[in-house]
Amino acid sequence: MVPLAWLTADKPTLFERIATEFGPVSVRFQLQDEGKSLKVTFEPKFRHKPQKILLHTPPLKELEQVIVNDQTFKVGPGDVLSIK
């Protein structure tokens, strides 16, 4: 989860090559469709794969879906998604 001010439709928010214990990860996200969708691009460069990857959705009451690397998930505010 990130500060709500970082979630905008105007421009994407980008984290590049963030170090994790599994290897670097890049993430880009941007609101779309008047806040009803959140598009996420997730690019891991894992040295070893984690057991699971969780995405905490923002607590936005308008949010209906999250699209992660072209896979669509129906969501509610504050849901937790397990992505592969």
N, C-alpha and C. Protein backbone atom coordinates (compact mmCIF):
# COMPACT_ATOMS: atom_id res chain seq x y z
N MET A 1 0.85 -1.17 0.00
CA MET A 1 0.00 0.00 0.00
C MET A 1 0.90 1.23 0.00
N VAL A 2 0.44 2.26 -0.64
CA VAL A 2 1.18 3.52 -0.73
C VAL A 2 0.26 4.66 -0.28
N PRO A 3 0.82 5.84 -0.02
CA PRO A 3 -0.05 6.98 0.30
C PRO A 3 -1.05 7.23 -0.83
N LEU A 4 -2.26 7.57 -0.48
CA LEU A 4 -3.30 7.78 -1.50
C LEU A 4 -2.93 8.89 -2.47
N ALA A 5 -2.12 9.85 -2.04
CA ALA A 5 -1.70 10.94 -2.93
C ALA A 5 -0.88 10.42 -4.11
N TRP A 6 -0.29 9.24 -3.99
CA TRP A 6 0.50 8.65 -5.06
C TRP A 6 -0.37 7.95 -6.10
N LEU A 7 -1.64 7.79 -5.82
CA LEU A 7 -2.57 7.12 -6.75
C LEU A 7 -3.29 8.19 -7.56
N THR A 8 -2.92 8.32 -8.82
CA THR A 8 -3.55 9.33 -9.65
C THR A 8 -3.76 8.80 -11.05
N ALA A 9 -4.66 9.43 -11.77
CA ALA A 9 -4.90 9.09 -13.16
C ALA A 9 -4.03 9.95 -14.08
N ASP A 10 -3.46 11.01 -13.53
CA ASP A 10 -2.67 11.96 -14.33
C ASP A 10 -1.37 11.37 -14.85
N LYS A 11 -0.69 10.61 -14.00
CA LYS A 11 0.59 10.02 -14.39
C LYS A 11 0.85 8.78 -13.54
N PRO A 12 1.61 7.84 -14.08
CA PRO A 12 1.88 6.63 -13.31
C PRO A 12 2.88 6.88 -12.19
N THR A 13 2.78 6.07 -11.15
CA THR A 13 3.79 6.04 -10.09
C THR A 13 4.68 4.85 -10.39
N LEU A 14 5.99 5.03 -10.25
CA LEU A 14 6.94 4.01 -10.66
C LEU A 14 8.00 3.79 -9.59
N PHE A 15 8.21 2.53 -9.26
CA PHE A 15 9.31 2.10 -8.40
C PHE A 15 10.17 1.17 -9.25
N GLU A 16 11.44 1.50 -9.43
CA GLU A 16 12.30 0.69 -10.29
C GLU A 16 13.37 -0.02 -9.48
N ARG A 17 13.50 -1.32 -9.78
CA ARG A 17 14.56 -2.15 -9.19
C ARG A 17 14.66 -2.00 -7.67
N ILE A 18 13.53 -2.13 -6.99
CA ILE A 18 13.50 -2.09 -5.53
C ILE A 18 14.08 -3.40 -5.00
N ALA A 19 15.05 -3.30 -4.12
CA ALA A 19 15.69 -4.49 -3.58
C ALA A 19 14.74 -5.22 -2.63
N THR A 20 14.63 -6.52 -2.81
CA THR A 20 13.89 -7.38 -1.87
C THR A 20 14.78 -8.58 -1.57
N GLU A 21 14.41 -9.36 -0.58
CA GLU A 21 15.21 -10.54 -0.26
C GLU A 21 15.18 -11.58 -1.38
N PHE A 22 14.23 -11.45 -2.30
CA PHE A 22 14.10 -12.41 -3.40
C PHE A 22 14.76 -11.92 -4.69
N GLY A 23 15.11 -10.66 -4.73
CA GLY A 23 15.68 -10.04 -5.91
C GLY A 23 14.95 -8.74 -6.22
N PRO A 24 15.45 -7.96 -7.17
CA PRO A 24 14.84 -6.66 -7.47
C PRO A 24 13.46 -6.77 -8.12
N VAL A 25 12.63 -5.77 -7.82
CA VAL A 25 11.26 -5.72 -8.34
C VAL A 25 10.99 -4.30 -8.83
N SER A 26 10.35 -4.18 -9.99
CA SER A 26 9.87 -2.90 -10.48
C SER A 26 8.34 -2.94 -10.53
N VAL A 27 7.71 -1.84 -10.10
CA VAL A 27 6.25 -1.75 -10.07
C VAL A 27 5.84 -0.39 -10.61
N ARG A 28 4.83 -0.41 -11.48
CA ARG A 28 4.24 0.82 -12.01
C ARG A 28 2.74 0.70 -11.81
N PHE A 29 2.10 1.79 -11.35
CA PHE A 29 0.65 1.74 -11.18
C PHE A 29 0.03 3.10 -11.47
N GLN A 30 -1.25 3.04 -11.91
CA GLN A 30 -1.98 4.25 -12.26
C GLN A 30 -3.48 3.97 -12.22
N LEU A 31 -4.23 4.92 -11.68
CA LEU A 31 -5.69 4.81 -11.70
C LEU A 31 -6.21 5.06 -13.10
N GLN A 32 -7.31 4.38 -13.44
CA GLN A 32 -7.96 4.55 -14.73
C GLN A 32 -9.47 4.54 -14.54
N ASP A 33 -10.19 4.89 -15.58
CA ASP A 33 -11.66 4.82 -15.59
C ASP A 33 -12.27 5.53 -14.39
N GLU A 34 -11.85 6.77 -14.18
CA GLU A 34 -12.39 7.60 -13.09
C GLU A 34 -12.23 6.94 -11.72
N GLY A 35 -11.11 6.24 -11.53
CA GLY A 35 -10.82 5.62 -10.24
C GLY A 35 -11.44 4.25 -10.03
N LYS A 36 -12.10 3.71 -11.05
CA LYS A 36 -12.72 2.39 -10.92
C LYS A 36 -11.73 1.26 -11.15
N SER A 37 -10.60 1.56 -11.83
CA SER A 37 -9.59 0.56 -12.13
C SER A 37 -8.21 1.05 -11.69
N LEU A 38 -7.40 0.11 -11.27
CA LEU A 38 -6.01 0.38 -10.96
C LEU A 38 -5.18 -0.55 -11.83
N LYS A 39 -4.38 0.02 -12.73
CA LYS A 39 -3.53 -0.79 -13.60
C LYS A 39 -2.14 -0.89 -12.96
N VAL A 40 -1.67 -2.12 -12.79
CA VAL A 40 -0.39 -2.39 -12.15
C VAL A 40 0.47 -3.22 -13.10
N THR A 41 1.70 -2.79 -13.28
CA THR A 41 2.69 -3.58 -14.00
C THR A 41 3.72 -4.01 -12.98
N PHE A 42 3.90 -5.30 -12.84
CA PHE A 42 4.77 -5.91 -11.83
C PHE A 42 5.86 -6.68 -12.55
N GLU A 43 7.12 -6.28 -12.36
CA GLU A 43 8.24 -6.91 -13.06
C GLU A 43 9.29 -7.39 -12.06
N PRO A 44 9.17 -8.62 -11.59
CA PRO A 44 10.17 -9.14 -10.67
C PRO A 44 11.37 -9.73 -11.41
N LYS A 45 12.50 -9.64 -10.80
CA LYS A 45 13.73 -10.31 -11.29
C LYS A 45 14.24 -11.17 -10.14
N PHE A 46 13.41 -12.15 -9.75
CA PHE A 46 13.70 -12.96 -8.57
C PHE A 46 14.90 -13.87 -8.77
N ARG A 47 15.75 -13.94 -7.75
CA ARG A 47 16.81 -14.93 -7.69
C ARG A 47 16.23 -16.27 -7.24
N HIS A 48 15.28 -16.18 -6.31
CA HIS A 48 14.48 -17.34 -5.92
C HIS A 48 13.06 -16.83 -5.66
N LYS A 49 12.10 -17.63 -6.10
CA LYS A 49 10.70 -17.21 -6.10
C LYS A 49 10.08 -17.32 -4.70
N PRO A 50 9.34 -16.28 -4.27
CA PRO A 50 8.64 -16.36 -2.99
C PRO A 50 7.48 -17.35 -3.06
N GLN A 51 7.02 -17.80 -1.89
CA GLN A 51 5.88 -18.73 -1.86
C GLN A 51 4.62 -18.07 -2.41
N LYS A 52 4.44 -16.79 -2.12
CA LYS A 52 3.29 -16.07 -2.66
C LYS A 52 3.63 -14.58 -2.71
N ILE A 53 2.86 -13.87 -3.53
CA ILE A 53 3.00 -12.43 -3.67
C ILE A 53 1.65 -11.82 -3.37
N LEU A 54 1.60 -10.90 -2.42
CA LEU A 54 0.35 -10.27 -2.03
C LEU A 54 0.33 -8.81 -2.46
N LEU A 55 -0.81 -8.38 -2.95
CA LEU A 55 -1.02 -6.99 -3.33
C LEU A 55 -2.18 -6.45 -2.49
N HIS A 56 -1.89 -5.45 -1.68
CA HIS A 56 -2.91 -4.80 -0.86
C HIS A 56 -3.53 -3.67 -1.68
N THR A 57 -4.82 -3.76 -1.95
CA THR A 57 -5.47 -2.73 -2.75
C THR A 57 -5.75 -1.51 -1.89
N PRO A 58 -5.77 -0.33 -2.50
CA PRO A 58 -6.01 0.89 -1.73
C PRO A 58 -7.46 0.97 -1.25
N PRO A 59 -7.69 1.67 -0.15
CA PRO A 59 -9.05 1.80 0.39
C PRO A 59 -9.86 2.88 -0.34
N LEU A 60 -10.04 2.69 -1.63
CA LEU A 60 -10.81 3.64 -2.45
C LEU A 60 -12.18 3.05 -2.73
N LYS A 61 -13.24 3.71 -2.30
CA LYS A 61 -14.58 3.14 -2.45
C LYS A 61 -15.01 3.00 -3.91
N GLU A 62 -14.39 3.78 -4.83
CA GLU A 62 -14.74 3.68 -6.25
C GLU A 62 -14.09 2.48 -6.93
N LEU A 63 -13.02 1.94 -6.33
CA LEU A 63 -12.23 0.91 -6.98
C LEU A 63 -13.03 -0.38 -7.14
N GLU A 64 -13.11 -0.87 -8.38
CA GLU A 64 -13.86 -2.09 -8.71
C GLU A 64 -12.96 -3.21 -9.21
N GLN A 65 -11.84 -2.83 -9.82
CA GLN A 65 -10.95 -3.86 -10.36
C GLN A 65 -9.50 -3.39 -10.34
N VAL A 66 -8.63 -4.39 -10.25
CA VAL A 66 -7.19 -4.17 -10.36
C VAL A 66 -6.71 -5.04 -11.51
N ILE A 67 -5.93 -4.45 -12.39
CA ILE A 67 -5.37 -5.17 -13.53
C ILE A 67 -3.87 -5.30 -13.30
N VAL A 68 -3.41 -6.53 -13.09
CA VAL A 68 -1.99 -6.78 -12.83
C VAL A 68 -1.44 -7.55 -14.02
N ASN A 69 -0.53 -6.91 -14.76
CA ASN A 69 0.07 -7.55 -15.94
C ASN A 69 -0.99 -8.19 -16.83
N ASP A 70 -2.04 -7.44 -17.11
CA ASP A 70 -3.14 -7.84 -17.99
C ASP A 70 -4.07 -8.91 -17.40
N GLN A 71 -3.93 -9.23 -16.13
CA GLN A 71 -4.88 -10.14 -15.46
C GLN A 71 -5.80 -9.29 -14.58
N THR A 72 -7.10 -9.41 -14.78
CA THR A 72 -8.08 -8.58 -14.08
C THR A 72 -8.62 -9.28 -12.85
N PHE A 73 -8.66 -8.53 -11.74
CA PHE A 73 -9.21 -9.01 -10.47
C PHE A 73 -10.33 -8.07 -10.05
N LYS A 74 -11.49 -8.61 -9.73
CA LYS A 74 -12.57 -7.82 -9.13
C LYS A 74 -12.23 -7.61 -7.66
N VAL A 75 -12.32 -6.37 -7.18
CA VAL A 75 -11.89 -6.05 -5.82
C VAL A 75 -12.85 -5.10 -5.13
N GLY A 76 -12.68 -5.02 -3.84
CA GLY A 76 -13.32 -4.01 -3.02
C GLY A 76 -12.23 -3.22 -2.32
N PRO A 77 -12.58 -2.12 -1.67
CA PRO A 77 -11.59 -1.30 -0.98
C PRO A 77 -10.83 -2.10 0.06
N GLY A 78 -9.50 -2.05 0.01
CA GLY A 78 -8.67 -2.69 1.02
C GLY A 78 -8.51 -4.20 0.89
N ASP A 79 -8.98 -4.79 -0.21
CA ASP A 79 -8.80 -6.24 -0.41
C ASP A 79 -7.32 -6.59 -0.54
N VAL A 80 -7.01 -7.84 -0.30
CA VAL A 80 -5.66 -8.36 -0.49
C VAL A 80 -5.71 -9.42 -1.57
N LEU A 81 -4.91 -9.23 -2.62
CA LEU A 81 -4.87 -10.17 -3.74
C LEU A 81 -3.61 -11.02 -3.66
N SER A 82 -3.76 -12.27 -4.02
CA SER A 82 -2.61 -13.15 -4.16
C SER A 82 -2.32 -13.24 -5.66
N ILE A 83 -1.16 -12.76 -6.08
CA ILE A 83 -0.81 -12.76 -7.49
C ILE A 83 0.39 -13.67 -7.72
N LYS A 84 0.52 -14.17 -8.91
CA LYS A 84 1.65 -15.05 -9.23
C LYS A 84 2.51 -14.38 -10.27
